[in-house]
Amino acid sequence: MGLHQWILSYAMDGLPRSLIAFVISLGAIATLDGAANLLLGQLGSHSPALAQLLSRPSLDIDVGFAPEVWLAVIGLTLGTLIIVISIAAQNIPKITELYMHDWTSLIYVWCLVLGGAHILYVKVLADLGLHPVGSTLLNLYGLLPLAIITALPYIFYILNSIQPESVVQQIYQRQRSFMDSLRRGQGYQPRLVRRSQAYLIAGLNQLDDLLTYVAFREPQAAIIEAMSGLLQHYIALKRDYSPYVFRLSSAVTADISFKTMFDQFEQIEQQRSFYEQKCFRLLGNAYVRFLEENEFNLASLCGSEMCAIAHAILSSGDEDLLELIVIRFNTMLRFAIKHGSRHNEARNLYNLAFHYRRFIESLVHYRHCRIAQKSVNYLRRYGNEIYQLAQQSPALYFIVDVFAAELKKILILVNEAQWDEAMQLELLEEMLRLDNPPDLSQPQNGDRPSSKSTGVRLLQMGLALFYLERQQQPLAERIVADIVEDATVLGTATFERAFLQNCARLEQAQPKFWEDTDRGNANLYYSPHIRQLPSLQFLVHCALAKLSAVPPLESTP
């Protein structure tokens, strides 16, 4: 095992860092002491006058006061350090462990202590009748002034380093550096697997513990971004890692996040996804916590970071991880639906639908047709479930419109990307099945089932206008056929009146809404293609005439 791997092995455990810092500090002071005496000796050999001056008894320097000064400097520095770390440990978990991994602090404190020991060494030699002028000058005019000058900046350094944002940044940088070190060389030793996995898992656990203790939003946001950034960096590097790194060890199987995943250990090892699974679970837990605490912005940040992770996965081309990210989005949507139906709260679903749509758009850009189709299907299924739950939680009715708007944007992007028309029809069918769950398709208590909600119909009509604008007649006619089906429920006269009202709403809709939301004030129902309304009306009237076997209404084609 090479020197680098030996140091890496022990650095992961964190135990010998203080000893290593002691050896480095002792070597530095001993080297300076020897260099000072050697330099004076060399100068004395070239200058007899200087040699005679140095040998004079009157040159003896009083060092009796120096130990007391050193003791005061050491007491001030270490006392402040202990107090600061003790107070910080009450709100920041494992802050002492972080301090014990900080090379700057360890080396500085050891240099301070050894500087005090050095003056005792000088005083003992002086009491024995020896006069180490070089050592005396080094300590009194070098080490001691330097210790006094740097004591206050070091205290400021410690105060700054225990801030939550600084702690997060320290953990993030160390984890990134460790990830980079894992890809050095192909001869990585299998027996280092447990230590490397333990170090990676420990970094995520530290961030998760910190997230639990920190009460302010800014550091909480920094922790979520750090978790996401580490996972993205790991995904970018993992192709360069030795296969041994992904063999599950006790460091993974014994972790609390994997206690209930025993049956999936083999699959996790084959997919090489232990780190991703750990990070996904922590982000999922954080998302649920933010939902329960009504931290809408932080909950939305979790969805945003999941989109960023998805981009990293798509860039890496890892199909297994792509399936995992779909599952994670669906799981987050399940949590949001449960919270929304329980509290009659739509805002989290409103934001998460936006992030889910961004993820599907990324799939479209990378031409992952199969996974994009599955994701659209999942989005439609959850939309239908929300439609059912909205009967008890009316605030969720708007979310059905939001899902329809997101599906509309996806279909527009797919059409602009010139996907196969058959695939576009399949995706269009998913949108047309929105707010039409099977459980509500049959009459209840002798009443007729209701038609599509007005908002969903408006969005479908806006999509039809887009297709007509791009001369996609078959796709527009499929929407028209679905719209006309409402006539069998409402009756022809009521349907015509409702349809004309929707046309009027589309004509009057403005690009901007008069109130602000988390997405700004964009109007979901606005369509820039209203000049195609006469063509849409003509198609609807023709389809209605065929359905009712009566002449079509007059309209301008």
Protein backbone atom coordinates (compact mmCIF):
# COMPACT_ATOMS: atom_id res chain seq x y z
CA MET A 1 0.00 0.00 0.00
CA GLY A 2 1.40 3.35 -1.07
CA LEU A 3 2.04 6.35 1.18
CA HIS A 4 -1.00 8.20 -0.15
CA GLN A 5 -3.30 5.25 0.55
CA TRP A 6 -1.80 4.80 4.02
CA ILE A 7 -2.48 8.42 4.91
CA LEU A 8 -5.95 8.18 3.35
CA SER A 9 -6.74 5.08 5.38
CA TYR A 10 -5.89 6.69 8.70
CA ALA A 11 -7.33 10.08 7.83
CA MET A 12 -10.72 8.46 7.32
CA ASP A 13 -10.80 7.22 10.90
CA GLY A 14 -9.88 10.70 12.17
CA LEU A 15 -8.12 9.34 15.30
CA PRO A 16 -4.41 9.97 14.54
CA ARG A 17 -4.79 13.46 13.12
CA SER A 18 -3.86 15.06 16.42
CA LEU A 19 -0.77 12.85 16.64
CA ILE A 20 0.21 13.68 13.08
CA ALA A 21 -0.28 17.39 13.81
CA PHE A 22 1.93 17.02 16.91
CA VAL A 23 4.71 15.38 14.90
CA ILE A 24 4.50 18.08 12.21
CA SER A 25 4.58 20.89 14.79
CA LEU A 26 7.42 19.31 16.76
CA GLY A 27 9.43 18.81 13.58
CA ALA A 28 8.84 22.42 12.52
CA ILE A 29 9.96 23.91 15.86
CA ALA A 30 12.93 21.57 16.15
CA THR A 31 13.97 22.49 12.61
CA LEU A 32 13.67 26.19 13.35
CA ASP A 33 15.66 25.77 16.56
CA GLY A 34 18.43 23.91 14.82
CA ALA A 35 18.43 26.37 11.92
CA ALA A 36 18.67 29.36 14.29
CA ASN A 37 21.66 27.93 16.17
CA LEU A 38 23.30 26.81 12.94
CA LEU A 39 22.81 30.22 11.36
CA LEU A 40 24.39 32.03 14.32
CA GLY A 41 27.25 29.54 14.31
CA GLN A 42 27.85 30.11 10.61
CA LEU A 43 27.73 33.88 11.07
CA GLY A 44 30.13 33.63 14.02
CA SER A 45 32.62 31.58 12.01
CA HIS A 46 32.70 34.27 9.32
CA SER A 47 32.75 37.18 11.73
CA PRO A 48 35.14 36.96 14.72
CA ALA A 49 33.65 40.13 16.16
CA LEU A 50 30.19 38.61 16.17
CA ALA A 51 31.51 35.38 17.70
CA GLN A 52 33.19 37.36 20.47
CA LEU A 53 29.97 39.31 21.08
CA LEU A 54 27.87 36.19 21.33
CA SER A 55 30.31 34.59 23.79
CA ARG A 56 30.26 37.52 26.21
CA PRO A 57 28.46 36.78 29.52
CA SER A 58 26.78 40.19 29.40
CA LEU A 59 24.79 38.95 26.45
CA ASP A 60 22.92 36.51 28.65
CA ILE A 61 19.22 37.20 28.11
CA ASP A 62 16.74 36.98 30.96
CA VAL A 63 14.04 34.47 30.01
CA GLY A 64 12.43 34.23 33.46
CA PHE A 65 9.36 36.18 32.37
CA ALA A 66 8.79 34.22 29.13
CA PRO A 67 7.13 31.06 30.59
CA GLU A 68 4.48 33.22 32.27
CA VAL A 69 3.75 35.06 29.03
CA TRP A 70 3.53 31.79 27.13
CA LEU A 71 1.19 30.38 29.76
CA ALA A 72 -1.07 33.42 29.47
CA VAL A 73 -1.20 33.18 25.67
CA ILE A 74 -1.89 29.43 25.77
CA GLY A 75 -4.52 29.83 28.51
CA LEU A 76 -6.31 32.61 26.64
CA THR A 77 -6.35 30.71 23.37
CA LEU A 78 -7.28 27.26 24.68
CA GLY A 79 -9.77 28.68 27.20
CA THR A 80 -11.59 30.61 24.48
CA LEU A 81 -11.45 27.57 22.20
CA ILE A 82 -12.98 25.26 24.82
CA ILE A 83 -15.75 27.71 25.69
CA VAL A 84 -16.64 28.38 22.06
CA ILE A 85 -16.64 24.70 21.09
CA SER A 86 -18.69 23.77 24.18
CA ILE A 87 -21.37 26.35 23.43
CA ALA A 88 -21.47 25.48 19.73
CA ALA A 89 -21.79 21.76 20.52
CA GLN A 90 -25.22 22.42 22.04
CA ASN A 91 -26.64 23.47 18.66
CA ILE A 92 -24.26 21.92 16.14
CA PRO A 93 -23.85 18.15 16.44
CA LYS A 94 -20.37 16.65 16.18
CA ILE A 95 -18.70 20.07 16.13
CA THR A 96 -15.88 18.63 18.24
CA GLU A 97 -15.32 15.93 15.65
CA LEU A 98 -15.15 18.56 12.93
CA TYR A 99 -12.62 20.52 14.95
CA MET A 100 -10.49 17.41 15.43
CA HIS A 101 -10.37 17.07 11.63
CA ASP A 102 -9.25 20.67 11.06
CA TRP A 103 -5.53 20.60 10.26
CA THR A 104 -5.17 24.36 10.72
CA SER A 105 -6.50 24.28 14.28
CA LEU A 106 -4.62 21.15 15.29
CA ILE A 107 -1.27 22.37 14.01
CA TYR A 108 -1.76 25.86 15.48
CA VAL A 109 -2.61 24.58 18.96
CA TRP A 110 0.29 22.12 18.96
CA CYS A 111 2.67 24.85 17.80
CA LEU A 112 1.40 27.04 20.60
CA VAL A 113 1.91 24.34 23.24
CA LEU A 114 5.30 23.30 21.89
CA GLY A 115 6.37 26.96 21.76
CA GLY A 116 5.69 27.13 25.50
CA ALA A 117 7.61 23.91 26.00
CA HIS A 118 10.47 25.33 23.95
CA ILE A 119 10.96 28.27 26.31
CA LEU A 120 11.13 25.82 29.24
CA TYR A 121 13.81 23.93 27.33
CA VAL A 122 15.76 27.18 26.85
CA LYS A 123 15.40 28.11 30.54
CA VAL A 124 16.62 24.69 31.69
CA LEU A 125 19.72 25.00 29.49
CA ALA A 126 20.33 28.51 30.83
CA ASP A 127 20.06 27.27 34.42
CA LEU A 128 22.60 24.56 33.62
CA GLY A 129 25.09 27.20 32.51
CA LEU A 130 24.57 26.67 28.79
CA HIS A 131 23.68 29.65 26.67
CA PRO A 132 21.70 28.60 23.54
CA VAL A 133 21.60 32.10 22.09
CA GLY A 134 19.98 30.96 18.86
CA SER A 135 17.17 29.15 20.67
CA THR A 136 16.64 32.09 23.01
CA LEU A 137 16.45 34.64 20.20
CA LEU A 138 14.16 32.34 18.19
CA ASN A 139 11.68 32.02 21.04
CA LEU A 140 11.72 35.55 22.46
CA TYR A 141 11.88 37.44 19.17
CA GLY A 142 10.21 34.93 16.86
CA LEU A 143 7.84 32.38 18.32
CA LEU A 144 6.48 34.43 21.23
CA PRO A 145 5.61 37.60 19.23
CA LEU A 146 4.11 35.40 16.51
CA ALA A 147 1.94 33.60 19.08
CA ILE A 148 0.73 36.88 20.59
CA ILE A 149 -0.05 38.38 17.18
CA THR A 150 -1.90 35.32 15.83
CA ALA A 151 -3.91 34.49 19.00
CA LEU A 152 -6.73 36.93 18.24
CA PRO A 153 -7.00 36.09 14.51
CA TYR A 154 -7.12 32.40 15.46
CA ILE A 155 -10.01 33.07 17.86
CA PHE A 156 -11.84 34.91 15.07
CA TYR A 157 -11.09 31.96 12.78
CA ILE A 158 -12.68 29.55 15.27
CA LEU A 159 -15.71 31.78 15.76
CA ASN A 160 -16.23 31.92 12.02
CA SER A 161 -15.65 28.20 11.50
CA ILE A 162 -18.40 27.17 13.95
CA GLN A 163 -21.09 29.09 12.08
CA PRO A 164 -23.60 26.64 10.54
CA GLU A 165 -22.83 27.81 7.00
CA SER A 166 -19.09 27.36 7.60
CA VAL A 167 -19.63 23.90 9.10
CA VAL A 168 -21.68 22.86 6.09
CA GLN A 169 -19.03 24.18 3.74
CA GLN A 170 -16.29 22.32 5.64
CA ILE A 171 -18.17 19.04 5.42
CA TYR A 172 -18.93 19.65 1.75
CA GLN A 173 -15.33 20.44 0.81
CA ARG A 174 -13.90 17.47 2.71
CA GLN A 175 -16.39 15.08 1.16
CA ARG A 176 -15.65 16.41 -2.32
CA SER A 177 -11.91 16.08 -1.76
CA PHE A 178 -12.37 12.54 -0.53
CA MET A 179 -14.48 11.66 -3.58
CA ASP A 180 -11.72 13.01 -5.80
CA SER A 181 -9.11 10.95 -3.96
CA LEU A 182 -11.08 7.72 -4.49
CA ARG A 183 -10.45 7.75 -8.22
CA ARG A 184 -6.67 7.98 -7.97
CA GLY A 185 -5.12 4.80 -9.31
CA GLN A 186 -6.65 1.44 -10.13
CA GLY A 187 -4.96 -0.45 -7.31
CA TYR A 188 -7.40 0.58 -4.60
CA GLN A 189 -7.25 -1.93 -1.76
CA PRO A 190 -10.47 -3.90 -1.05
CA ARG A 191 -9.88 -3.65 2.70
CA LEU A 192 -10.28 0.13 2.45
CA VAL A 193 -13.83 -0.29 1.14
CA ARG A 194 -15.44 -0.23 4.57
CA ARG A 195 -13.52 2.87 5.62
CA SER A 196 -14.29 4.73 2.42
CA GLN A 197 -17.99 3.87 2.58
CA ALA A 198 -18.08 4.80 6.26
CA TYR A 199 -16.54 8.19 5.47
CA LEU A 200 -19.02 8.88 2.67
CA ILE A 201 -22.02 7.83 4.76
CA ALA A 202 -20.75 9.78 7.79
CA GLY A 203 -20.61 12.99 5.76
CA LEU A 204 -24.26 12.69 4.77
CA ASN A 205 -25.26 11.77 8.33
CA GLN A 206 -23.44 14.86 9.63
CA LEU A 207 -25.38 17.07 7.24
CA ASP A 208 -28.65 15.36 8.19
CA ASP A 209 -27.95 15.80 11.91
CA LEU A 210 -27.08 19.43 11.32
CA LEU A 211 -30.36 19.91 9.44
CA THR A 212 -32.24 18.66 12.50
CA TYR A 213 -30.53 21.08 14.91
CA VAL A 214 -30.35 24.23 12.80
CA ALA A 215 -33.43 26.42 13.09
CA PHE A 216 -32.74 29.08 10.45
CA ARG A 217 -33.74 28.78 6.81
CA GLU A 218 -30.48 29.95 5.23
CA PRO A 219 -28.30 27.19 6.73
CA GLN A 220 -31.07 24.65 6.13
CA ALA A 221 -31.09 25.62 2.46
CA ALA A 222 -27.29 25.38 2.40
CA ILE A 223 -27.47 21.84 3.81
CA ILE A 224 -29.96 20.70 1.16
CA GLU A 225 -27.81 22.23 -1.57
CA ALA A 226 -24.70 20.58 -0.09
CA MET A 227 -26.33 17.14 -0.12
CA SER A 228 -27.42 17.65 -3.69
CA GLY A 229 -24.02 19.01 -4.75
CA LEU A 230 -22.19 16.05 -3.20
CA LEU A 231 -24.46 13.57 -4.96
CA GLN A 232 -24.04 15.33 -8.31
CA HIS A 233 -20.26 15.34 -7.87
CA TYR A 234 -20.29 11.68 -6.89
CA ILE A 235 -22.38 10.73 -9.93
CA ALA A 236 -19.94 12.54 -12.21
CA LEU A 237 -16.94 10.68 -10.71
CA LYS A 238 -18.27 7.19 -9.96
CA ARG A 239 -17.48 5.83 -13.42
CA ASP A 240 -13.79 6.26 -12.56
CA TYR A 241 -14.01 4.35 -9.27
CA SER A 242 -12.80 0.83 -8.71
CA PRO A 243 -15.60 -1.79 -8.61
CA TYR A 244 -14.53 -2.59 -5.05
CA VAL A 245 -15.89 0.77 -3.88
CA PHE A 246 -19.47 -0.38 -4.54
CA ARG A 247 -19.33 -3.69 -2.70
CA LEU A 248 -21.59 -3.27 0.31
CA SER A 249 -19.77 -3.47 3.61
CA SER A 250 -20.95 -3.28 7.20
CA ALA A 251 -20.57 0.49 7.01
CA VAL A 252 -23.56 0.55 4.64
CA THR A 253 -25.64 -2.39 5.82
CA ALA A 254 -25.45 -1.24 9.45
CA ASP A 255 -26.48 2.34 8.63
CA ILE A 256 -29.91 3.33 9.91
CA SER A 257 -31.16 4.26 6.42
CA PHE A 258 -30.61 0.69 5.20
CA LYS A 259 -32.01 -1.22 8.18
CA THR A 260 -35.24 -2.07 6.32
CA MET A 261 -33.64 -2.67 2.90
CA PHE A 262 -32.04 -6.05 3.55
CA ASP A 263 -33.89 -7.66 0.64
CA GLN A 264 -32.53 -5.04 -1.76
CA PHE A 265 -28.84 -5.25 -0.83
CA GLU A 266 -28.00 -7.40 -3.83
CA GLN A 267 -29.81 -5.06 -6.20
CA ILE A 268 -28.16 -1.99 -4.64
CA GLU A 269 -24.74 -3.58 -5.08
CA GLN A 270 -25.45 -4.49 -8.70
CA GLN A 271 -26.70 -0.97 -9.46
CA ARG A 272 -23.79 0.55 -7.52
CA SER A 273 -26.25 2.92 -5.90
CA PHE A 274 -25.68 2.80 -2.12
CA TYR A 275 -24.63 6.45 -1.95
CA GLU A 276 -27.53 7.60 -4.13
CA GLN A 277 -30.01 5.60 -2.07
CA LYS A 278 -28.68 7.15 1.13
CA CYS A 279 -28.87 10.67 -0.22
CA PHE A 280 -32.35 10.16 -1.69
CA ARG A 281 -33.65 8.94 1.65
CA LEU A 282 -32.22 11.90 3.51
CA LEU A 283 -33.64 14.35 0.98
CA GLY A 284 -37.00 12.57 1.18
CA ASN A 285 -37.00 12.82 4.97
CA ALA A 286 -36.11 16.49 4.75
CA TYR A 287 -38.96 17.05 2.29
CA VAL A 288 -41.50 15.43 4.63
CA ARG A 289 -40.21 17.51 7.52
CA PHE A 290 -40.56 20.73 5.55
CA LEU A 291 -44.10 19.74 4.55
CA GLU A 292 -45.11 19.22 8.17
CA GLU A 293 -43.53 22.51 9.22
CA ASN A 294 -45.17 24.41 6.32
CA GLU A 295 -41.78 25.50 5.01
CA PHE A 296 -42.97 25.90 1.44
CA ASN A 297 -39.78 27.43 0.06
CA LEU A 298 -37.52 24.76 1.57
CA ALA A 299 -39.83 21.99 0.38
CA SER A 300 -39.72 23.47 -3.11
CA LEU A 301 -35.92 23.62 -2.85
CA CYS A 302 -35.87 19.84 -2.34
CA GLY A 303 -37.77 19.43 -5.61
CA SER A 304 -35.44 21.85 -7.36
CA GLU A 305 -32.36 19.96 -6.19
CA MET A 306 -33.91 16.69 -7.34
CA CYS A 307 -34.15 18.24 -10.81
CA ALA A 308 -30.47 19.19 -10.63
CA ILE A 309 -29.59 15.63 -9.61
CA ALA A 310 -31.67 14.32 -12.51
CA HIS A 311 -29.62 16.46 -14.92
CA ALA A 312 -26.43 14.93 -13.51
CA ILE A 313 -27.86 11.44 -13.95
CA LEU A 314 -28.94 12.16 -17.52
CA SER A 315 -25.48 13.51 -18.30
CA SER A 316 -23.89 10.34 -16.92
CA GLY A 317 -26.20 8.06 -18.92
CA ASP A 318 -26.93 5.77 -15.95
CA GLU A 319 -30.26 4.07 -16.71
CA ASP A 320 -30.55 2.46 -13.27
CA LEU A 321 -30.20 5.80 -11.53
CA LEU A 322 -32.76 7.28 -13.90
CA GLU A 323 -35.30 4.73 -12.71
CA LEU A 324 -34.41 5.59 -9.12
CA ILE A 325 -34.97 9.31 -9.64
CA VAL A 326 -38.40 8.63 -11.15
CA ILE A 327 -39.30 6.59 -8.06
CA ARG A 328 -38.04 9.39 -5.84
CA PHE A 329 -40.15 12.02 -7.63
CA ASN A 330 -43.20 9.79 -7.32
CA THR A 331 -42.49 9.26 -3.62
CA MET A 332 -42.22 13.00 -3.01
CA LEU A 333 -45.48 13.51 -4.90
CA ARG A 334 -47.13 10.89 -2.69
CA PHE A 335 -45.96 12.75 0.42
CA ALA A 336 -47.25 16.05 -0.98
CA ILE A 337 -50.65 14.56 -1.86
CA LYS A 338 -51.02 13.10 1.61
CA HIS A 339 -50.13 16.41 3.22
CA GLY A 340 -52.33 18.42 0.86
CA SER A 341 -55.42 16.27 1.36
CA ARG A 342 -54.98 16.23 5.15
CA HIS A 343 -54.53 20.00 5.48
CA ASN A 344 -56.50 21.16 2.42
CA GLU A 345 -53.25 22.81 1.29
CA ALA A 346 -52.33 23.01 -2.40
CA ARG A 347 -49.14 25.05 -2.42
CA ASN A 348 -46.64 22.19 -2.04
CA LEU A 349 -48.33 20.23 -4.82
CA TYR A 350 -48.35 23.35 -6.96
CA ASN A 351 -44.59 23.71 -6.62
CA LEU A 352 -43.74 20.02 -6.91
CA ALA A 353 -45.78 19.67 -10.12
CA PHE A 354 -43.53 22.34 -11.62
CA HIS A 355 -40.36 20.43 -10.70
CA TYR A 356 -41.82 17.14 -11.95
CA ARG A 357 -42.57 18.80 -15.28
CA ARG A 358 -39.02 20.17 -15.49
CA PHE A 359 -37.72 16.66 -14.91
CA ILE A 360 -39.88 15.26 -17.73
CA GLU A 361 -38.73 18.08 -20.02
CA SER A 362 -35.15 16.99 -19.30
CA LEU A 363 -36.12 13.47 -20.36
CA VAL A 364 -37.54 14.88 -23.58
CA HIS A 365 -34.33 16.84 -24.28
CA TYR A 366 -32.24 13.69 -23.76
CA ARG A 367 -34.66 11.62 -25.94
CA HIS A 368 -35.58 9.17 -23.19
CA CYS A 369 -38.95 8.41 -24.77
CA ARG A 370 -39.86 5.35 -22.71
CA ILE A 371 -39.13 6.90 -19.32
CA ALA A 372 -40.77 10.18 -20.37
CA GLN A 373 -43.91 8.29 -21.34
CA LYS A 374 -43.94 6.43 -18.01
CA SER A 375 -43.46 9.67 -16.10
CA VAL A 376 -46.33 11.35 -17.95
CA ASN A 377 -48.49 8.35 -17.07
CA TYR A 378 -47.51 8.67 -13.41
CA LEU A 379 -48.28 12.40 -13.45
CA ARG A 380 -51.71 11.73 -14.94
CA ARG A 381 -52.44 8.98 -12.38
CA TYR A 382 -51.59 11.25 -9.49
CA GLY A 383 -53.69 13.99 -11.09
CA ASN A 384 -56.71 11.69 -11.14
CA GLU A 385 -56.09 10.73 -7.53
CA ILE A 386 -55.97 14.39 -6.57
CA TYR A 387 -59.24 14.92 -8.46
CA GLN A 388 -60.88 12.28 -6.29
CA LEU A 389 -59.40 13.67 -3.07
CA ALA A 390 -60.57 17.17 -4.01
CA GLN A 391 -64.13 16.15 -3.15
CA GLN A 392 -63.06 16.30 0.52
CA SER A 393 -60.34 18.94 0.04
CA PRO A 394 -61.67 21.54 -2.44
CA ALA A 395 -58.36 23.43 -2.54
CA LEU A 396 -56.95 20.54 -4.57
CA TYR A 397 -59.27 21.12 -7.55
CA PHE A 398 -56.92 23.81 -8.79
CA ILE A 399 -54.02 21.33 -8.71
CA VAL A 400 -55.82 19.22 -11.32
CA ASP A 401 -55.71 22.26 -13.60
CA VAL A 402 -52.03 22.70 -12.72
CA PHE A 403 -51.29 19.10 -13.72
CA ALA A 404 -53.14 19.66 -16.98
CA ALA A 405 -51.09 22.81 -17.62
CA GLU A 406 -47.85 20.91 -16.99
CA LEU A 407 -48.92 18.12 -19.34
CA LYS A 408 -49.80 20.72 -21.95
CA LYS A 409 -46.29 22.21 -21.76
CA ILE A 410 -44.75 18.74 -22.05
CA LEU A 411 -46.84 17.91 -25.12
CA ILE A 412 -45.91 21.21 -26.73
CA LEU A 413 -42.22 20.49 -26.12
CA VAL A 414 -42.60 16.97 -27.52
CA ASN A 415 -44.25 18.34 -30.64
CA GLU A 416 -41.54 20.96 -31.11
CA ALA A 417 -38.95 18.19 -30.69
CA GLN A 418 -40.71 16.40 -33.60
CA TRP A 419 -41.32 13.11 -31.84
CA ASP A 420 -43.13 10.36 -33.67
CA GLU A 421 -46.83 11.17 -34.10
CA ALA A 422 -47.88 7.84 -32.61
CA MET A 423 -45.93 8.64 -29.46
CA GLN A 424 -47.46 12.11 -29.33
CA LEU A 425 -50.93 10.57 -29.57
CA GLU A 426 -50.13 8.24 -26.68
CA LEU A 427 -48.99 11.15 -24.54
CA LEU A 428 -52.05 13.17 -25.59
CA GLU A 429 -54.30 10.33 -24.45
CA GLU A 430 -52.79 10.65 -20.99
CA MET A 431 -53.77 14.31 -20.81
CA LEU A 432 -57.28 13.58 -22.09
CA ARG A 433 -57.73 11.00 -19.32
CA LEU A 434 -56.94 13.59 -16.67
CA ASP A 435 -59.75 14.36 -14.16
CA ASN A 436 -61.61 11.29 -15.42
CA PRO A 437 -60.80 8.57 -12.85
CA PRO A 438 -62.62 5.24 -13.32
CA ASP A 439 -64.25 5.46 -9.89
CA LEU A 440 -66.12 8.60 -10.92
CA SER A 441 -67.09 7.52 -14.41
CA GLN A 442 -70.34 5.84 -13.30
CA PRO A 443 -73.43 7.67 -12.09
CA GLN A 444 -73.79 7.93 -8.34
CA ASN A 445 -77.17 8.06 -6.54
CA GLY A 446 -78.95 8.09 -9.88
CA ASP A 447 -77.28 11.32 -11.00
CA ARG A 448 -75.40 11.78 -14.23
CA PRO A 449 -71.60 11.96 -13.97
CA SER A 450 -70.19 15.44 -14.37
CA SER A 451 -68.21 16.45 -17.43
CA LYS A 452 -64.58 17.55 -17.44
CA SER A 453 -63.74 20.48 -15.21
CA THR A 454 -63.73 23.85 -16.91
CA GLY A 455 -60.04 24.51 -16.24
CA VAL A 456 -58.87 21.22 -17.76
CA ARG A 457 -61.07 21.77 -20.81
CA LEU A 458 -59.64 25.27 -21.27
CA LEU A 459 -56.10 23.88 -21.23
CA GLN A 460 -57.00 21.10 -23.64
CA MET A 461 -58.60 23.61 -25.95
CA GLY A 462 -55.47 25.76 -25.73
CA LEU A 463 -53.40 22.72 -26.72
CA ALA A 464 -55.74 22.11 -29.67
CA LEU A 465 -55.16 25.70 -30.78
CA PHE A 466 -51.41 25.04 -30.67
CA TYR A 467 -51.80 21.95 -32.83
CA LEU A 468 -53.93 23.85 -35.32
CA GLU A 469 -51.33 26.62 -35.42
CA ARG A 470 -48.68 24.03 -36.31
CA GLN A 471 -51.04 22.26 -38.73
CA GLN A 472 -51.15 19.09 -36.64
CA GLN A 473 -54.73 18.24 -37.66
CA PRO A 474 -54.95 14.62 -36.34
CA LEU A 475 -53.83 15.67 -32.87
CA ALA A 476 -56.29 18.59 -32.80
CA GLU A 477 -59.13 16.34 -33.99
CA ARG A 478 -58.41 13.85 -31.20
CA ILE A 479 -58.87 16.65 -28.63
CA VAL A 480 -62.05 17.76 -30.36
CA ALA A 481 -63.45 14.22 -30.25
CA ASP A 482 -62.83 14.13 -26.48
CA ILE A 483 -64.41 17.56 -25.99
CA VAL A 484 -67.57 16.57 -27.87
CA GLU A 485 -68.07 13.58 -25.58
CA ASP A 486 -69.28 16.05 -22.96
CA ALA A 487 -72.41 16.57 -25.05
CA THR A 488 -73.61 13.07 -24.12
CA VAL A 489 -73.49 14.08 -20.46
CA LEU A 490 -74.61 17.71 -20.57
CA GLY A 491 -76.94 17.63 -23.51
CA THR A 492 -76.36 19.45 -26.78
CA ALA A 493 -77.72 22.84 -25.76
CA THR A 494 -75.86 22.95 -22.45
CA PHE A 495 -72.68 21.72 -24.10
CA GLU A 496 -72.80 24.39 -26.81
CA ARG A 497 -73.34 27.10 -24.21
CA ALA A 498 -70.43 25.82 -22.07
CA PHE A 499 -68.17 25.48 -25.09
CA LEU A 500 -68.84 29.04 -26.27
CA GLN A 501 -68.18 30.30 -22.74
CA ASN A 502 -64.81 28.54 -22.77
CA CYS A 503 -64.01 30.11 -26.13
CA ALA A 504 -64.84 33.52 -24.70
CA ARG A 505 -62.59 32.86 -21.71
CA LEU A 506 -59.71 31.94 -24.01
CA GLU A 507 -60.21 35.13 -26.00
CA GLN A 508 -60.22 37.27 -22.87
CA ALA A 509 -57.34 35.51 -21.08
CA GLN A 510 -54.23 37.66 -20.59
CA PRO A 511 -50.63 36.39 -20.36
CA LYS A 512 -50.31 37.70 -16.80
CA PHE A 513 -52.56 37.16 -13.81
CA TRP A 514 -53.37 39.99 -11.41
CA GLU A 515 -52.00 38.14 -8.37
CA ASP A 516 -48.58 36.70 -7.57
CA THR A 517 -47.72 33.06 -6.86
CA ASP A 518 -44.55 31.06 -6.26
CA ARG A 519 -44.13 30.98 -10.05
CA GLY A 520 -44.79 34.63 -10.61
CA ASN A 521 -48.04 35.85 -12.17
CA ALA A 522 -48.19 33.80 -15.39
CA ASN A 523 -51.75 32.81 -16.36
CA LEU A 524 -52.05 29.03 -16.77
CA TYR A 525 -55.03 29.35 -19.09
CA TYR A 526 -53.59 31.85 -21.54
CA SER A 527 -53.09 30.72 -25.13
CA PRO A 528 -51.17 32.79 -27.71
CA HIS A 529 -52.95 31.02 -30.59
CA ILE A 530 -56.50 32.37 -30.23
CA ARG A 531 -56.61 33.22 -33.93
CA GLN A 532 -57.21 29.51 -34.42
CA LEU A 533 -60.44 29.64 -32.39
CA PRO A 534 -62.72 29.78 -35.46
CA SER A 535 -61.05 26.64 -36.81
CA LEU A 536 -61.49 24.89 -33.47
CA GLN A 537 -65.16 25.93 -33.32
CA PHE A 538 -65.71 24.57 -36.82
CA LEU A 539 -64.16 21.21 -35.91
CA VAL A 540 -66.24 20.98 -32.73
CA HIS A 541 -69.47 21.82 -34.53
CA CYS A 542 -68.75 19.27 -37.24
CA ALA A 543 -68.00 16.59 -34.66
CA LEU A 544 -71.14 17.55 -32.71
CA ALA A 545 -73.22 17.31 -35.88
CA LYS A 546 -71.96 13.79 -36.51
CA LEU A 547 -72.68 12.85 -32.92
CA SER A 548 -76.24 14.23 -32.88
CA ALA A 549 -77.01 13.58 -36.57
CA VAL A 550 -78.06 17.22 -37.12
CA PRO A 551 -76.58 19.85 -39.47
CA PRO A 552 -73.53 21.63 -38.05
CA LEU A 553 -73.85 25.09 -36.56
CA GLU A 554 -72.78 28.03 -38.66
CA SER A 555 -69.20 29.04 -38.04
CA THR A 556 -66.29 30.50 -39.87
CA PRO A 557 -63.75 27.76 -40.77
